[in-house]
N, C-alpha and C. Protein backbone atom coordinates (compact mmCIF):
# COMPACT_ATOMS: atom_id res chain seq x y z
N MET A 1 96.85 -13.31 201.67
CA MET A 1 97.43 -13.81 200.46
C MET A 1 96.34 -13.89 199.39
N GLU A 2 96.57 -13.27 198.30
CA GLU A 2 95.63 -13.29 197.19
C GLU A 2 96.13 -14.22 196.11
N LEU A 3 95.21 -15.01 195.59
CA LEU A 3 95.54 -15.96 194.54
C LEU A 3 94.92 -15.52 193.22
N SER A 4 95.64 -15.76 192.18
CA SER A 4 95.06 -15.49 190.87
C SER A 4 94.12 -16.67 190.54
N VAL A 5 93.30 -16.49 189.57
CA VAL A 5 92.38 -17.54 189.14
C VAL A 5 93.16 -18.77 188.71
N LYS A 6 94.25 -18.56 188.02
CA LYS A 6 95.07 -19.67 187.53
C LYS A 6 95.68 -20.45 188.70
N GLN A 7 96.18 -19.74 189.72
CA GLN A 7 96.77 -20.40 190.88
C GLN A 7 95.70 -21.17 191.66
N TYR A 8 94.52 -20.57 191.80
CA TYR A 8 93.43 -21.23 192.51
C TYR A 8 93.03 -22.53 191.80
N ARG A 9 92.90 -22.48 190.49
CA ARG A 9 92.52 -23.68 189.72
C ARG A 9 93.57 -24.78 189.87
N ARG A 10 94.83 -24.39 189.87
CA ARG A 10 95.90 -25.36 190.02
C ARG A 10 95.83 -26.02 191.40
N MET A 11 95.61 -25.23 192.45
CA MET A 11 95.50 -25.77 193.81
C MET A 11 94.26 -26.66 193.95
N ALA A 12 93.15 -26.21 193.40
CA ALA A 12 91.91 -26.99 193.47
C ALA A 12 92.06 -28.30 192.71
N SER A 13 92.70 -28.27 191.57
CA SER A 13 92.91 -29.47 190.77
C SER A 13 93.79 -30.47 191.51
N ALA A 14 94.80 -29.98 192.20
CA ALA A 14 95.70 -30.87 192.94
C ALA A 14 94.99 -31.49 194.14
N ALA A 15 94.04 -30.78 194.75
CA ALA A 15 93.35 -31.27 195.94
C ALA A 15 92.14 -32.14 195.62
N THR A 16 91.62 -32.07 194.41
CA THR A 16 90.43 -32.81 194.03
C THR A 16 90.79 -34.27 193.74
N PRO A 17 90.06 -35.21 194.38
CA PRO A 17 90.36 -36.62 194.09
C PRO A 17 90.03 -36.97 192.64
N LYS A 18 90.80 -37.88 192.09
CA LYS A 18 90.59 -38.28 190.71
C LYS A 18 89.32 -39.11 190.60
N SER A 19 88.59 -38.93 189.52
CA SER A 19 87.34 -39.63 189.29
C SER A 19 87.59 -41.09 188.94
N LYS A 20 86.76 -41.96 189.52
CA LYS A 20 86.81 -43.38 189.21
C LYS A 20 85.52 -43.79 188.52
N SER A 21 84.94 -42.89 187.75
CA SER A 21 83.64 -43.14 187.14
C SER A 21 83.61 -44.38 186.27
N LEU A 22 84.60 -44.57 185.44
CA LEU A 22 84.60 -45.72 184.54
C LEU A 22 84.63 -47.01 185.33
N ARG A 23 85.49 -47.09 186.33
CA ARG A 23 85.57 -48.29 187.17
C ARG A 23 84.27 -48.51 187.93
N ASP A 24 83.72 -47.43 188.52
CA ASP A 24 82.47 -47.54 189.27
C ASP A 24 81.31 -47.99 188.39
N CYS A 25 81.22 -47.43 187.21
CA CYS A 25 80.15 -47.81 186.28
C CYS A 25 80.29 -49.26 185.83
N THR A 26 81.53 -49.69 185.60
CA THR A 26 81.77 -51.06 185.17
C THR A 26 81.39 -52.05 186.27
N VAL A 27 81.77 -51.75 187.51
CA VAL A 27 81.42 -52.63 188.63
C VAL A 27 79.91 -52.65 188.84
N ALA A 28 79.26 -51.48 188.79
CA ALA A 28 77.81 -51.41 188.96
C ALA A 28 77.10 -52.22 187.88
N PHE A 29 77.57 -52.09 186.64
CA PHE A 29 76.98 -52.85 185.53
C PHE A 29 77.16 -54.34 185.74
N GLY A 30 78.35 -54.74 186.18
CA GLY A 30 78.63 -56.16 186.39
C GLY A 30 77.80 -56.76 187.51
N VAL A 31 77.70 -56.06 188.63
CA VAL A 31 76.92 -56.57 189.76
C VAL A 31 75.43 -56.60 189.42
N GLY A 32 74.92 -55.52 188.82
CA GLY A 32 73.52 -55.50 188.41
C GLY A 32 73.21 -56.62 187.44
N GLY A 33 74.12 -56.83 186.49
CA GLY A 33 73.94 -57.92 185.54
C GLY A 33 73.98 -59.28 186.21
N ALA A 34 74.87 -59.44 187.19
CA ALA A 34 74.96 -60.72 187.90
C ALA A 34 73.68 -61.01 188.67
N ILE A 35 73.09 -59.98 189.27
CA ILE A 35 71.82 -60.17 189.99
C ILE A 35 70.72 -60.57 188.99
N CYS A 36 70.71 -59.94 187.83
CA CYS A 36 69.72 -60.29 186.80
C CYS A 36 69.94 -61.71 186.28
N ILE A 37 71.20 -62.11 186.12
CA ILE A 37 71.50 -63.48 185.68
C ILE A 37 71.03 -64.47 186.73
N LEU A 38 71.25 -64.16 188.01
CA LEU A 38 70.77 -65.02 189.09
C LEU A 38 69.26 -65.18 189.00
N GLY A 39 68.56 -64.08 188.77
CA GLY A 39 67.10 -64.14 188.61
C GLY A 39 66.69 -65.01 187.43
N GLN A 40 67.39 -64.88 186.32
CA GLN A 40 67.06 -65.69 185.14
C GLN A 40 67.34 -67.17 185.40
N LEU A 41 68.45 -67.46 186.08
CA LEU A 41 68.75 -68.86 186.42
C LEU A 41 67.69 -69.44 187.34
N MET A 42 67.24 -68.64 188.30
CA MET A 42 66.17 -69.11 189.19
C MET A 42 64.89 -69.39 188.41
N SER A 43 64.55 -68.47 187.52
CA SER A 43 63.35 -68.64 186.71
C SER A 43 63.43 -69.90 185.86
N ASP A 44 64.58 -70.13 185.24
CA ASP A 44 64.78 -71.34 184.44
C ASP A 44 64.68 -72.59 185.31
N MET A 45 65.24 -72.53 186.52
CA MET A 45 65.20 -73.68 187.42
C MET A 45 63.75 -73.99 187.81
N TYR A 46 62.97 -72.96 188.15
CA TYR A 46 61.58 -73.19 188.52
C TYR A 46 60.78 -73.73 187.34
N THR A 47 61.09 -73.26 186.13
CA THR A 47 60.41 -73.77 184.94
C THR A 47 60.77 -75.24 184.71
N MET A 48 62.04 -75.59 184.90
CA MET A 48 62.46 -76.99 184.73
C MET A 48 61.83 -77.89 185.79
N LEU A 49 61.50 -77.33 186.95
CA LEU A 49 60.85 -78.12 188.00
C LEU A 49 59.36 -78.32 187.72
N GLY A 50 58.87 -77.74 186.61
CA GLY A 50 57.50 -78.00 186.21
C GLY A 50 56.52 -76.87 186.47
N PHE A 51 57.00 -75.74 186.97
CA PHE A 51 56.10 -74.61 187.22
C PHE A 51 55.80 -73.89 185.90
N SER A 52 54.61 -73.31 185.80
CA SER A 52 54.28 -72.53 184.61
C SER A 52 55.14 -71.27 184.60
N ASN A 53 55.21 -70.59 183.47
CA ASN A 53 56.03 -69.37 183.36
C ASN A 53 55.57 -68.31 184.37
N ASP A 54 54.25 -68.16 184.54
CA ASP A 54 53.74 -67.18 185.51
C ASP A 54 54.15 -67.53 186.93
N ASN A 55 54.00 -68.80 187.30
CA ASN A 55 54.39 -69.21 188.65
C ASN A 55 55.90 -69.17 188.84
N ALA A 56 56.66 -69.49 187.81
CA ALA A 56 58.12 -69.41 187.90
C ALA A 56 58.56 -67.97 188.12
N SER A 57 57.90 -67.03 187.44
CA SER A 57 58.21 -65.61 187.63
C SER A 57 57.89 -65.17 189.05
N LEU A 58 56.75 -65.60 189.56
CA LEU A 58 56.35 -65.26 190.93
C LEU A 58 57.33 -65.83 191.94
N LEU A 59 57.71 -67.09 191.75
CA LEU A 59 58.67 -67.71 192.67
C LEU A 59 60.05 -67.05 192.58
N THR A 60 60.44 -66.65 191.38
CA THR A 60 61.73 -65.97 191.22
C THR A 60 61.74 -64.65 191.97
N SER A 61 60.68 -63.86 191.79
CA SER A 61 60.59 -62.57 192.50
C SER A 61 60.61 -62.78 194.00
N SER A 62 59.83 -63.72 194.49
CA SER A 62 59.78 -64.00 195.92
C SER A 62 61.13 -64.47 196.44
N SER A 63 61.80 -65.31 195.67
CA SER A 63 63.11 -65.81 196.09
C SER A 63 64.14 -64.69 196.15
N LEU A 64 64.13 -63.79 195.16
CA LEU A 64 65.08 -62.67 195.18
C LEU A 64 64.83 -61.74 196.36
N VAL A 65 63.57 -61.50 196.68
CA VAL A 65 63.24 -60.67 197.85
C VAL A 65 63.73 -61.36 199.12
N LEU A 66 63.47 -62.65 199.24
CA LEU A 66 63.90 -63.39 200.43
C LEU A 66 65.43 -63.39 200.56
N LEU A 67 66.13 -63.67 199.47
CA LEU A 67 67.60 -63.66 199.51
C LEU A 67 68.14 -62.29 199.88
N SER A 68 67.53 -61.23 199.34
CA SER A 68 67.97 -59.87 199.65
C SER A 68 67.72 -59.53 201.11
N ALA A 69 66.58 -59.95 201.63
CA ALA A 69 66.26 -59.68 203.04
C ALA A 69 67.25 -60.41 203.95
N ILE A 70 67.54 -61.66 203.63
CA ILE A 70 68.51 -62.43 204.43
C ILE A 70 69.90 -61.80 204.33
N ALA A 71 70.31 -61.43 203.12
CA ALA A 71 71.63 -60.80 202.93
C ALA A 71 71.71 -59.47 203.67
N THR A 72 70.62 -58.72 203.71
CA THR A 72 70.59 -57.45 204.46
C THR A 72 70.72 -57.73 205.94
N GLY A 73 69.98 -58.71 206.43
CA GLY A 73 70.04 -59.06 207.86
C GLY A 73 71.42 -59.52 208.30
N LEU A 74 72.12 -60.18 207.41
CA LEU A 74 73.47 -60.67 207.73
C LEU A 74 74.57 -59.63 207.47
N GLY A 75 74.19 -58.49 206.89
CA GLY A 75 75.16 -57.44 206.60
C GLY A 75 75.89 -57.62 205.29
N VAL A 76 75.56 -58.67 204.54
CA VAL A 76 76.23 -58.95 203.28
C VAL A 76 75.83 -57.93 202.21
N TYR A 77 74.54 -57.58 202.19
CA TYR A 77 74.06 -56.66 201.15
C TYR A 77 74.70 -55.28 201.30
N ASP A 78 74.92 -54.84 202.52
CA ASP A 78 75.57 -53.53 202.73
C ASP A 78 77.00 -53.53 202.20
N ARG A 79 77.74 -54.62 202.44
CA ARG A 79 79.11 -54.71 201.91
C ARG A 79 79.09 -54.73 200.39
N LEU A 80 78.13 -55.46 199.81
CA LEU A 80 78.00 -55.50 198.36
C LEU A 80 77.69 -54.11 197.81
N SER A 81 76.79 -53.40 198.46
CA SER A 81 76.39 -52.05 198.02
C SER A 81 77.55 -51.07 198.06
N ARG A 82 78.42 -51.20 199.06
CA ARG A 82 79.57 -50.30 199.15
C ARG A 82 80.47 -50.41 197.94
N HIS A 83 80.60 -51.61 197.41
CA HIS A 83 81.47 -51.83 196.25
C HIS A 83 80.74 -51.70 194.92
N ALA A 84 79.47 -52.10 194.89
CA ALA A 84 78.73 -52.14 193.63
C ALA A 84 77.97 -50.86 193.35
N GLY A 85 77.72 -50.06 194.35
CA GLY A 85 76.98 -48.82 194.14
C GLY A 85 75.60 -49.08 193.57
N ALA A 86 75.27 -48.39 192.50
CA ALA A 86 73.94 -48.48 191.91
C ALA A 86 73.65 -49.86 191.34
N GLY A 87 74.65 -50.66 191.09
CA GLY A 87 74.42 -52.00 190.56
C GLY A 87 73.65 -52.89 191.51
N SER A 88 73.74 -52.60 192.81
CA SER A 88 73.01 -53.41 193.79
C SER A 88 71.58 -52.92 193.97
N LEU A 89 71.21 -51.89 193.27
CA LEU A 89 69.86 -51.35 193.39
C LEU A 89 68.92 -51.86 192.31
N VAL A 90 69.27 -53.03 191.73
CA VAL A 90 68.36 -53.66 190.78
C VAL A 90 67.00 -53.68 191.48
N PRO A 91 65.95 -53.25 190.82
CA PRO A 91 64.70 -52.94 191.52
C PRO A 91 64.24 -53.88 192.61
N ILE A 92 64.12 -55.15 192.36
CA ILE A 92 63.50 -56.01 193.37
C ILE A 92 64.43 -56.24 194.57
N THR A 93 65.72 -56.42 194.34
CA THR A 93 66.63 -56.64 195.45
C THR A 93 66.89 -55.34 196.21
N GLY A 94 66.99 -54.24 195.50
CA GLY A 94 67.18 -52.95 196.16
C GLY A 94 65.99 -52.56 197.01
N PHE A 95 64.79 -52.86 196.51
CA PHE A 95 63.58 -52.55 197.28
C PHE A 95 63.52 -53.40 198.54
N ALA A 96 63.84 -54.69 198.43
CA ALA A 96 63.84 -55.56 199.61
C ALA A 96 64.85 -55.05 200.64
N ASN A 97 66.01 -54.63 200.18
CA ASN A 97 67.02 -54.07 201.07
C ASN A 97 66.51 -52.80 201.74
N ALA A 98 65.81 -51.95 200.97
CA ALA A 98 65.30 -50.69 201.52
C ALA A 98 64.19 -50.91 202.54
N VAL A 99 63.47 -52.00 202.43
CA VAL A 99 62.41 -52.31 203.40
C VAL A 99 63.01 -52.91 204.67
N VAL A 100 63.96 -53.81 204.51
CA VAL A 100 64.52 -54.54 205.66
C VAL A 100 65.48 -53.67 206.48
N SER A 101 66.26 -52.82 205.83
CA SER A 101 67.26 -52.02 206.55
C SER A 101 66.69 -51.18 207.68
N PRO A 102 65.64 -50.37 207.45
CA PRO A 102 65.09 -49.59 208.57
C PRO A 102 64.52 -50.47 209.66
N ALA A 103 63.94 -51.60 209.29
CA ALA A 103 63.38 -52.50 210.29
C ALA A 103 64.47 -53.04 211.20
N ILE A 104 65.61 -53.40 210.64
CA ILE A 104 66.72 -53.91 211.44
C ILE A 104 67.30 -52.80 212.31
N GLU A 105 67.39 -51.61 211.74
CA GLU A 105 67.96 -50.48 212.48
C GLU A 105 67.17 -50.14 213.73
N PHE A 106 65.86 -50.32 213.69
CA PHE A 106 65.02 -49.91 214.80
C PHE A 106 64.51 -51.08 215.63
N LYS A 107 65.14 -52.26 215.53
CA LYS A 107 64.67 -53.41 216.28
C LYS A 107 64.82 -53.22 217.79
N SER A 108 65.72 -52.35 218.23
CA SER A 108 65.91 -52.12 219.66
C SER A 108 64.72 -51.40 220.29
N GLU A 109 63.87 -50.79 219.46
CA GLU A 109 62.70 -50.09 219.98
C GLU A 109 61.50 -51.02 220.15
N GLY A 110 61.69 -52.29 219.88
CA GLY A 110 60.61 -53.26 220.03
C GLY A 110 60.01 -53.63 218.70
N PHE A 111 59.16 -54.66 218.73
CA PHE A 111 58.60 -55.18 217.47
C PHE A 111 57.59 -54.22 216.85
N ILE A 112 56.64 -53.73 217.65
CA ILE A 112 55.57 -52.90 217.08
C ILE A 112 56.05 -51.49 216.77
N ILE A 113 56.59 -50.80 217.75
CA ILE A 113 57.01 -49.40 217.58
C ILE A 113 58.25 -49.30 216.70
N GLY A 114 59.16 -50.25 216.82
CA GLY A 114 60.41 -50.19 216.07
C GLY A 114 60.34 -50.88 214.73
N THR A 115 60.49 -52.19 214.77
CA THR A 115 60.63 -52.96 213.53
C THR A 115 59.41 -52.83 212.61
N ALA A 116 58.23 -53.13 213.13
CA ALA A 116 57.03 -53.14 212.27
C ALA A 116 56.71 -51.75 211.73
N ALA A 117 56.89 -50.72 212.55
CA ALA A 117 56.57 -49.36 212.09
C ALA A 117 57.60 -48.84 211.11
N LYS A 118 58.86 -49.06 211.39
CA LYS A 118 59.92 -48.49 210.55
C LYS A 118 60.11 -49.26 209.24
N MET A 119 59.60 -50.50 209.19
CA MET A 119 59.73 -51.28 207.97
C MET A 119 59.03 -50.58 206.79
N PHE A 120 58.02 -49.79 207.09
CA PHE A 120 57.26 -49.15 206.02
C PHE A 120 57.68 -47.71 205.77
N VAL A 121 58.81 -47.29 206.33
CA VAL A 121 59.33 -45.95 206.06
C VAL A 121 59.57 -45.76 204.57
N ILE A 122 60.15 -46.75 203.93
CA ILE A 122 60.39 -46.71 202.48
C ILE A 122 59.25 -47.35 201.73
N ALA A 123 58.78 -48.50 202.21
CA ALA A 123 57.77 -49.26 201.47
C ALA A 123 56.42 -48.56 201.45
N GLY A 124 56.07 -47.86 202.51
CA GLY A 124 54.76 -47.21 202.59
C GLY A 124 54.48 -46.27 201.43
N PRO A 125 55.35 -45.28 201.21
CA PRO A 125 55.10 -44.37 200.09
C PRO A 125 55.09 -45.08 198.74
N VAL A 126 55.95 -46.07 198.59
CA VAL A 126 55.98 -46.80 197.31
C VAL A 126 54.66 -47.53 197.10
N ILE A 127 54.16 -48.18 198.15
CA ILE A 127 52.89 -48.90 198.03
C ILE A 127 51.74 -47.94 197.78
N VAL A 128 51.69 -46.85 198.54
CA VAL A 128 50.60 -45.88 198.39
C VAL A 128 50.61 -45.25 197.00
N TYR A 129 51.75 -44.73 196.59
CA TYR A 129 51.81 -44.06 195.29
C TYR A 129 51.73 -45.05 194.13
N GLY A 130 52.27 -46.24 194.32
CA GLY A 130 52.15 -47.26 193.28
C GLY A 130 50.71 -47.69 193.08
N THR A 131 49.99 -47.89 194.19
CA THR A 131 48.58 -48.26 194.10
C THR A 131 47.77 -47.13 193.49
N THR A 132 48.02 -45.89 193.93
CA THR A 132 47.30 -44.74 193.39
C THR A 132 47.56 -44.58 191.90
N ALA A 133 48.81 -44.72 191.49
CA ALA A 133 49.14 -44.60 190.06
C ALA A 133 48.47 -45.71 189.26
N SER A 134 48.39 -46.92 189.83
CA SER A 134 47.73 -48.03 189.14
C SER A 134 46.25 -47.76 188.96
N VAL A 135 45.61 -47.23 190.00
CA VAL A 135 44.17 -46.92 189.90
C VAL A 135 43.94 -45.83 188.86
N ILE A 136 44.77 -44.81 188.88
CA ILE A 136 44.62 -43.72 187.90
C ILE A 136 44.84 -44.24 186.49
N ALA A 137 45.87 -45.05 186.29
CA ALA A 137 46.13 -45.63 184.96
C ALA A 137 44.97 -46.51 184.53
N GLY A 138 44.42 -47.30 185.46
CA GLY A 138 43.28 -48.15 185.15
C GLY A 138 42.05 -47.34 184.76
N LEU A 139 41.81 -46.25 185.49
CA LEU A 139 40.67 -45.39 185.16
C LEU A 139 40.86 -44.74 183.78
N ILE A 140 42.05 -44.27 183.52
CA ILE A 140 42.33 -43.66 182.20
C ILE A 140 42.10 -44.68 181.10
N TYR A 141 42.61 -45.89 181.30
CA TYR A 141 42.45 -46.94 180.30
C TYR A 141 40.96 -47.27 180.11
N TYR A 142 40.24 -47.38 181.24
CA TYR A 142 38.82 -47.71 181.17
C TYR A 142 38.03 -46.66 180.41
N PHE A 143 38.24 -45.40 180.74
CA PHE A 143 37.47 -44.33 180.09
C PHE A 143 37.93 -44.09 178.65
N MET A 144 39.19 -44.36 178.35
CA MET A 144 39.66 -44.19 176.97
C MET A 144 39.14 -45.30 176.06
N SER A 145 38.86 -46.49 176.65
CA SER A 145 38.39 -47.60 175.83
C SER A 145 36.88 -47.59 175.62
N MET A 146 36.19 -46.67 176.24
CA MET A 146 34.72 -46.59 176.09
C MET A 146 34.34 -46.02 174.75
């Protein structure tokens, strides 16, 4: 059976699922924004408790990483990611999830070979390349300011 181009397009169009891009983008934006609002509320709370702005920022980052790691361990973060998509990848919480997930997945292989080794599958390259990029940027800044 031979199909004309017009017939093929009609069949392909009927079989292709409809795009939910607007809904997906709206949900991602909302969830990402909610995570950022949570971070701002935490920062404000730490500041009201008497911490300096620098220490409040440090505590906020640490708290978001801890909450993300706990949520990943309990399976909550995965359910959130299924619905929120890219919105759950707000840098600090998404990174914490990316570090904890492989560690949990390989816990059956033991602490050293499994969890401890696999925890750095994602974090290792980020740390290495982030540190290298920082050193290079520092050297460029140093030599440019001479």
